[in-house]
Amino acid sequence: MINWQVSVDSTICRAHQHATGARSDGAAQKEPPGGVATEPVDHGLGRSRGGFTTKIHLSCEQGQKPLSIIITAGQRGDSPQFVAVLEGIRVPRIGPGRPRSRPERVRGDKAYSSRGNRAYLRRRGIGCIIPEPADQVRNRKKRGSAGGRPPAFDAEDYQARHAVLGGTSR
């Protein structure tokens, strides 16, 4: 049996200052200085500390072939896009049948550790390898026995993934 595991992550692409439409001669610019107040919803361009940026959310299989991609504005968070990225996975079967859309396990970094994401994975019967951030651990321990058990986490598998992909933890 083939072990189907998916990794989820995102990256930011910065737009060059000239791509934002700014002119060197401010008087010749059609919009007021500072640009348009809001970027249209369907544009994948947003403002962040680094200027105009686009964020690419990606899921890939163990052979590092992309399975689904979502492009959002740069200031959008990773965690809210987690479910949308996983919902976009459709792997066609050889012969008849629906496309495959439920991996056995999902790997992600601390940005994807949220109660909602973990509940979504449990509901669909998908295992996960997502580390718990220190603040979540601290808050859970502070609540004592009411904080519940820590989520299952395979540290060896997580370290092996980062060694192969050359990733850094946040």
C-alpha atoms as a PDB file:
ATOM      1  CA  MET A   1       0.000   0.000   0.000  1.00  0.00           C
ATOM      2  CA  ILE A   2       1.271   3.464  -0.874  1.00  0.00           C
ATOM      3  CA  ASN A   3       1.617   5.865   2.043  1.00  0.00           C
ATOM      4  CA  TRP A   4       0.013   9.156   0.924  1.00  0.00           C
ATOM      5  CA  GLN A   5       1.238  12.083   3.003  1.00  0.00           C
ATOM      6  CA  VAL A   6       0.770  15.749   2.209  1.00  0.00           C
ATOM      7  CA  SER A   7       2.815  18.756   3.333  1.00  0.00           C
ATOM      8  CA  VAL A   8       1.217  22.208   3.586  1.00  0.00           C
ATOM      9  CA  ASP A   9       3.082  25.514   3.733  1.00  0.00           C
ATOM     10  CA  SER A  10       3.105  29.027   2.330  1.00  0.00           C
ATOM     11  CA  THR A  11       5.560  31.576   1.036  1.00  0.00           C
ATOM     12  CA  ILE A  12       5.487  35.287   0.301  1.00  0.00           C
ATOM     13  CA  CYS A  13       6.426  36.969  -2.970  1.00  0.00           C
ATOM     14  CA  ARG A  14       7.125  40.674  -2.860  1.00  0.00           C
ATOM     15  CA  ALA A  15       6.077  42.911  -5.732  1.00  0.00           C
ATOM     16  CA  HIS A  16       8.704  45.345  -6.941  1.00  0.00           C
ATOM     17  CA  GLN A  17       7.993  48.986  -6.126  1.00  0.00           C
ATOM     18  CA  HIS A  18       7.507  49.730  -9.819  1.00  0.00           C
ATOM     19  CA  ALA A  19       4.820  47.030 -10.057  1.00  0.00           C
ATOM     20  CA  THR A  20       2.659  48.936  -7.593  1.00  0.00           C
ATOM     21  CA  GLY A  21       1.993  51.770 -10.039  1.00  0.00           C
ATOM     22  CA  ALA A  22       3.923  54.504  -8.221  1.00  0.00           C
ATOM     23  CA  ARG A  23       5.409  57.255 -10.378  1.00  0.00           C
ATOM     24  CA  SER A  24       8.584  59.160  -9.701  1.00  0.00           C
ATOM     25  CA  ASP A  25       6.680  62.361 -10.527  1.00  0.00           C
ATOM     26  CA  GLY A  26       3.926  62.443  -7.876  1.00  0.00           C
ATOM     27  CA  ALA A  27       1.938  65.174  -9.672  1.00  0.00           C
ATOM     28  CA  ALA A  28       1.501  62.946 -12.766  1.00  0.00           C
ATOM     29  CA  GLN A  29       0.032  60.102 -10.722  1.00  0.00           C
ATOM     30  CA  LYS A  30      -3.707  59.563 -11.258  1.00  0.00           C
ATOM     31  CA  GLU A  31      -4.546  58.196  -7.783  1.00  0.00           C
ATOM     32  CA  PRO A  32      -3.773  60.082  -4.608  1.00  0.00           C
ATOM     33  CA  PRO A  33      -0.380  59.361  -3.007  1.00  0.00           C
ATOM     34  CA  GLY A  34      -0.474  56.123  -1.038  1.00  0.00           C
ATOM     35  CA  GLY A  35      -2.496  54.313  -3.729  1.00  0.00           C
ATOM     36  CA  VAL A  36      -6.018  53.008  -3.630  1.00  0.00           C
ATOM     37  CA  ALA A  37      -7.535  52.619  -0.158  1.00  0.00           C
ATOM     38  CA  THR A  38      -8.475  48.955  -0.608  1.00  0.00           C
ATOM     39  CA  GLU A  39      -7.303  46.308  -3.011  1.00  0.00           C
ATOM     40  CA  PRO A  40     -10.118  44.428  -4.822  1.00  0.00           C
ATOM     41  CA  VAL A  41     -10.939  41.067  -3.218  1.00  0.00           C
ATOM     42  CA  ASP A  42     -10.057  39.020  -6.286  1.00  0.00           C
ATOM     43  CA  HIS A  43      -6.509  40.399  -6.439  1.00  0.00           C
ATOM     44  CA  GLY A  44      -3.726  38.437  -4.779  1.00  0.00           C
ATOM     45  CA  LEU A  45      -1.878  41.596  -3.818  1.00  0.00           C
ATOM     46  CA  GLY A  46      -1.897  43.025  -0.338  1.00  0.00           C
ATOM     47  CA  ARG A  47      -0.018  45.349   1.948  1.00  0.00           C
ATOM     48  CA  SER A  48       2.272  44.091   4.661  1.00  0.00           C
ATOM     49  CA  ARG A  49       5.346  45.440   6.410  1.00  0.00           C
ATOM     50  CA  GLY A  50       7.457  44.658   3.345  1.00  0.00           C
ATOM     51  CA  GLY A  51       5.219  46.572   0.938  1.00  0.00           C
ATOM     52  CA  PHE A  52       2.968  44.934  -1.660  1.00  0.00           C
ATOM     53  CA  THR A  53       3.110  41.153  -1.280  1.00  0.00           C
ATOM     54  CA  THR A  54       1.360  38.011  -2.485  1.00  0.00           C
ATOM     55  CA  LYS A  55       1.151  34.824  -0.442  1.00  0.00           C
ATOM     56  CA  ILE A  56       1.148  31.399  -2.075  1.00  0.00           C
ATOM     57  CA  HIS A  57      -0.397  28.562  -0.020  1.00  0.00           C
ATOM     58  CA  LEU A  58       0.606  25.144  -1.336  1.00  0.00           C
ATOM     59  CA  SER A  59       0.059  21.467  -0.588  1.00  0.00           C
ATOM     60  CA  CYS A  60       2.379  18.855  -2.052  1.00  0.00           C
ATOM     61  CA  GLU A  61       2.834  15.104  -1.788  1.00  0.00           C
ATOM     62  CA  GLN A  62       5.976  13.312  -0.582  1.00  0.00           C
ATOM     63  CA  GLY A  63       7.538  13.527  -4.059  1.00  0.00           C
ATOM     64  CA  GLN A  64       7.112  17.315  -3.749  1.00  0.00           C
ATOM     65  CA  LYS A  65       4.627  17.536  -6.604  1.00  0.00           C
ATOM     66  CA  PRO A  66       2.040  20.283  -6.013  1.00  0.00           C
ATOM     67  CA  LEU A  67      -1.512  19.116  -5.317  1.00  0.00           C
ATOM     68  CA  SER A  68      -3.314  22.420  -4.705  1.00  0.00           C
ATOM     69  CA  ILE A  69      -2.386  26.094  -4.725  1.00  0.00           C
ATOM     70  CA  ILE A  70      -4.206  29.130  -3.363  1.00  0.00           C
ATOM     71  CA  ILE A  71      -3.007  32.687  -3.911  1.00  0.00           C
ATOM     72  CA  THR A  72      -4.005  35.369  -1.400  1.00  0.00           C
ATOM     73  CA  ALA A  73      -2.977  38.852  -0.404  1.00  0.00           C
ATOM     74  CA  GLY A  74       0.308  38.988   1.515  1.00  0.00           C
ATOM     75  CA  GLN A  75      -1.184  39.979   4.862  1.00  0.00           C
ATOM     76  CA  ARG A  76      -3.470  36.913   5.012  1.00  0.00           C
ATOM     77  CA  GLY A  77      -2.619  34.333   7.660  1.00  0.00           C
ATOM     78  CA  ASP A  78      -1.619  30.740   6.988  1.00  0.00           C
ATOM     79  CA  SER A  79      -4.037  28.977   9.324  1.00  0.00           C
ATOM     80  CA  PRO A  80      -7.310  30.320   7.817  1.00  0.00           C
ATOM     81  CA  GLN A  81      -6.248  28.978   4.389  1.00  0.00           C
ATOM     82  CA  PHE A  82      -5.427  25.465   5.669  1.00  0.00           C
ATOM     83  CA  VAL A  83      -8.863  23.943   5.033  1.00  0.00           C
ATOM     84  CA  ALA A  84      -9.178  25.625   1.618  1.00  0.00           C
ATOM     85  CA  VAL A  85      -5.803  24.233   0.521  1.00  0.00           C
ATOM     86  CA  LEU A  86      -6.753  20.700   1.611  1.00  0.00           C
ATOM     87  CA  GLU A  87     -10.208  20.991   0.005  1.00  0.00           C
ATOM     88  CA  GLY A  88      -8.475  21.810  -3.297  1.00  0.00           C
ATOM     89  CA  ILE A  89      -6.683  18.446  -3.456  1.00  0.00           C
ATOM     90  CA  ARG A  90      -8.042  16.237  -6.248  1.00  0.00           C
ATOM     91  CA  VAL A  91      -5.892  13.330  -7.468  1.00  0.00           C
ATOM     92  CA  PRO A  92      -7.517  11.486 -10.400  1.00  0.00           C
ATOM     93  CA  ARG A  93      -7.697   7.700 -10.223  1.00  0.00           C
ATOM     94  CA  ILE A  94      -6.592   5.391 -12.978  1.00  0.00           C
ATOM     95  CA  GLY A  95      -9.844   4.128 -14.418  1.00  0.00           C
ATOM     96  CA  PRO A  96     -13.287   4.930 -13.021  1.00  0.00           C
ATOM     97  CA  GLY A  97     -13.964   6.493  -9.653  1.00  0.00           C
ATOM     98  CA  ARG A  98     -13.960   9.810  -7.895  1.00  0.00           C
ATOM     99  CA  PRO A  99     -10.661  11.655  -7.537  1.00  0.00           C
ATOM    100  CA  ARG A 100      -8.800  10.991  -4.337  1.00  0.00           C
ATOM    101  CA  SER A 101      -9.032  13.914  -1.896  1.00  0.00           C
ATOM    102  CA  ARG A 102      -8.196  12.565   1.574  1.00  0.00           C
ATOM    103  CA  PRO A 103      -4.530  11.949   2.403  1.00  0.00           C
ATOM    104  CA  GLU A 104      -3.494   9.649   5.245  1.00  0.00           C
ATOM    105  CA  ARG A 105      -1.457  12.339   7.000  1.00  0.00           C
ATOM    106  CA  VAL A 106      -0.829  16.073   6.745  1.00  0.00           C
ATOM    107  CA  ARG A 107       2.382  17.787   7.773  1.00  0.00           C
ATOM    108  CA  GLY A 108       2.598  21.477   8.570  1.00  0.00           C
ATOM    109  CA  ASP A 109       4.489  23.961  10.707  1.00  0.00           C
ATOM    110  CA  LYS A 110       3.363  25.754  13.866  1.00  0.00           C
ATOM    111  CA  ALA A 111       1.355  28.297  11.861  1.00  0.00           C
ATOM    112  CA  TYR A 112      -1.277  25.606  11.179  1.00  0.00           C
ATOM    113  CA  SER A 113      -1.712  24.543  14.800  1.00  0.00           C
ATOM    114  CA  SER A 114      -5.221  25.596  15.721  1.00  0.00           C
ATOM    115  CA  ARG A 115      -8.164  23.877  17.347  1.00  0.00           C
ATOM    116  CA  GLY A 116     -10.260  24.345  14.193  1.00  0.00           C
ATOM    117  CA  ASN A 117      -7.643  22.835  11.859  1.00  0.00           C
ATOM    118  CA  ARG A 118      -7.096  19.836  14.151  1.00  0.00           C
ATOM    119  CA  ALA A 119     -10.869  19.302  14.462  1.00  0.00           C
ATOM    120  CA  TYR A 120     -11.210  19.399  10.649  1.00  0.00           C
ATOM    121  CA  LEU A 121      -8.499  16.749  10.276  1.00  0.00           C
ATOM    122  CA  ARG A 122     -10.061  14.533  12.994  1.00  0.00           C
ATOM    123  CA  ARG A 123     -13.498  14.848  11.364  1.00  0.00           C
ATOM    124  CA  ARG A 124     -12.081  13.638   8.045  1.00  0.00           C
ATOM    125  CA  GLY A 125      -9.950  10.888   9.633  1.00  0.00           C
ATOM    126  CA  ILE A 126      -6.643  12.452   8.559  1.00  0.00           C
ATOM    127  CA  GLY A 127      -3.585  12.116  10.809  1.00  0.00           C
ATOM    128  CA  CYS A 128      -1.459  15.198  11.365  1.00  0.00           C
ATOM    129  CA  ILE A 129       2.099  16.111  12.198  1.00  0.00           C
ATOM    130  CA  ILE A 130       1.809  19.728  13.318  1.00  0.00           C
ATOM    131  CA  PRO A 131       3.885  20.957  16.274  1.00  0.00           C
ATOM    132  CA  GLU A 132       2.190  22.886  19.046  1.00  0.00           C
ATOM    133  CA  PRO A 133       3.476  26.456  19.609  1.00  0.00           C
ATOM    134  CA  ALA A 134       4.883  27.287  23.044  1.00  0.00           C
ATOM    135  CA  ASP A 135       2.018  29.662  23.881  1.00  0.00           C
ATOM    136  CA  GLN A 136      -0.593  26.971  23.216  1.00  0.00           C
ATOM    137  CA  VAL A 137       1.347  24.487  25.365  1.00  0.00           C
ATOM    138  CA  ARG A 138       1.611  27.057  28.153  1.00  0.00           C
ATOM    139  CA  ASN A 139      -2.115  27.890  28.030  1.00  0.00           C
ATOM    140  CA  ARG A 140      -3.097  24.219  28.014  1.00  0.00           C
ATOM    141  CA  LYS A 141      -0.854  23.431  30.997  1.00  0.00           C
ATOM    142  CA  LYS A 142      -2.114  26.487  32.863  1.00  0.00           C
ATOM    143  CA  ARG A 143      -5.630  25.030  32.770  1.00  0.00           C
ATOM    144  CA  GLY A 144      -4.430  21.824  34.440  1.00  0.00           C
ATOM    145  CA  SER A 145      -6.536  18.725  33.833  1.00  0.00           C
ATOM    146  CA  ALA A 146      -9.207  20.909  32.156  1.00  0.00           C
ATOM    147  CA  GLY A 147      -6.650  21.744  29.441  1.00  0.00           C
ATOM    148  CA  GLY A 148      -6.897  18.225  28.036  1.00  0.00           C
ATOM    149  CA  ARG A 149      -4.257  16.000  26.522  1.00  0.00           C
ATOM    150  CA  PRO A 150      -1.628  17.401  24.196  1.00  0.00           C
ATOM    151  CA  PRO A 151      -2.254  16.609  20.525  1.00  0.00           C
ATOM    152  CA  ALA A 152      -0.355  13.633  19.128  1.00  0.00           C
ATOM    153  CA  PHE A 153       2.898  14.695  17.496  1.00  0.00           C
ATOM    154  CA  ASP A 154       5.661  12.621  15.888  1.00  0.00           C
ATOM    155  CA  ALA A 155       8.810  14.692  16.477  1.00  0.00           C
ATOM    156  CA  GLU A 156      11.063  12.276  14.547  1.00  0.00           C
ATOM    157  CA  ASP A 157       8.901  12.498  11.442  1.00  0.00           C
ATOM    158  CA  TYR A 158       8.790  16.295  11.714  1.00  0.00           C
ATOM    159  CA  GLN A 159      12.594  16.516  12.003  1.00  0.00           C
ATOM    160  CA  ALA A 160      13.038  14.158   9.040  1.00  0.00           C
ATOM    161  CA  ARG A 161      10.745  16.346   6.912  1.00  0.00           C
ATOM    162  CA  HIS A 162      12.727  19.468   7.722  1.00  0.00           C
ATOM    163  CA  ALA A 163      16.010  17.704   6.975  1.00  0.00           C
ATOM    164  CA  VAL A 164      14.750  16.687   3.506  1.00  0.00           C
ATOM    165  CA  LEU A 165      13.095  20.006   2.607  1.00  0.00           C
ATOM    166  CA  GLY A 166      15.710  22.207   4.267  1.00  0.00           C
ATOM    167  CA  GLY A 167      12.978  24.049   6.159  1.00  0.00           C
ATOM    168  CA  THR A 168      13.331  26.168   9.237  1.00  0.00           C
ATOM    169  CA  SER A 169      10.921  26.212  12.121  1.00  0.00           C
ATOM    170  CA  ARG A 170       9.318  29.486  13.135  1.00  0.00           C
END
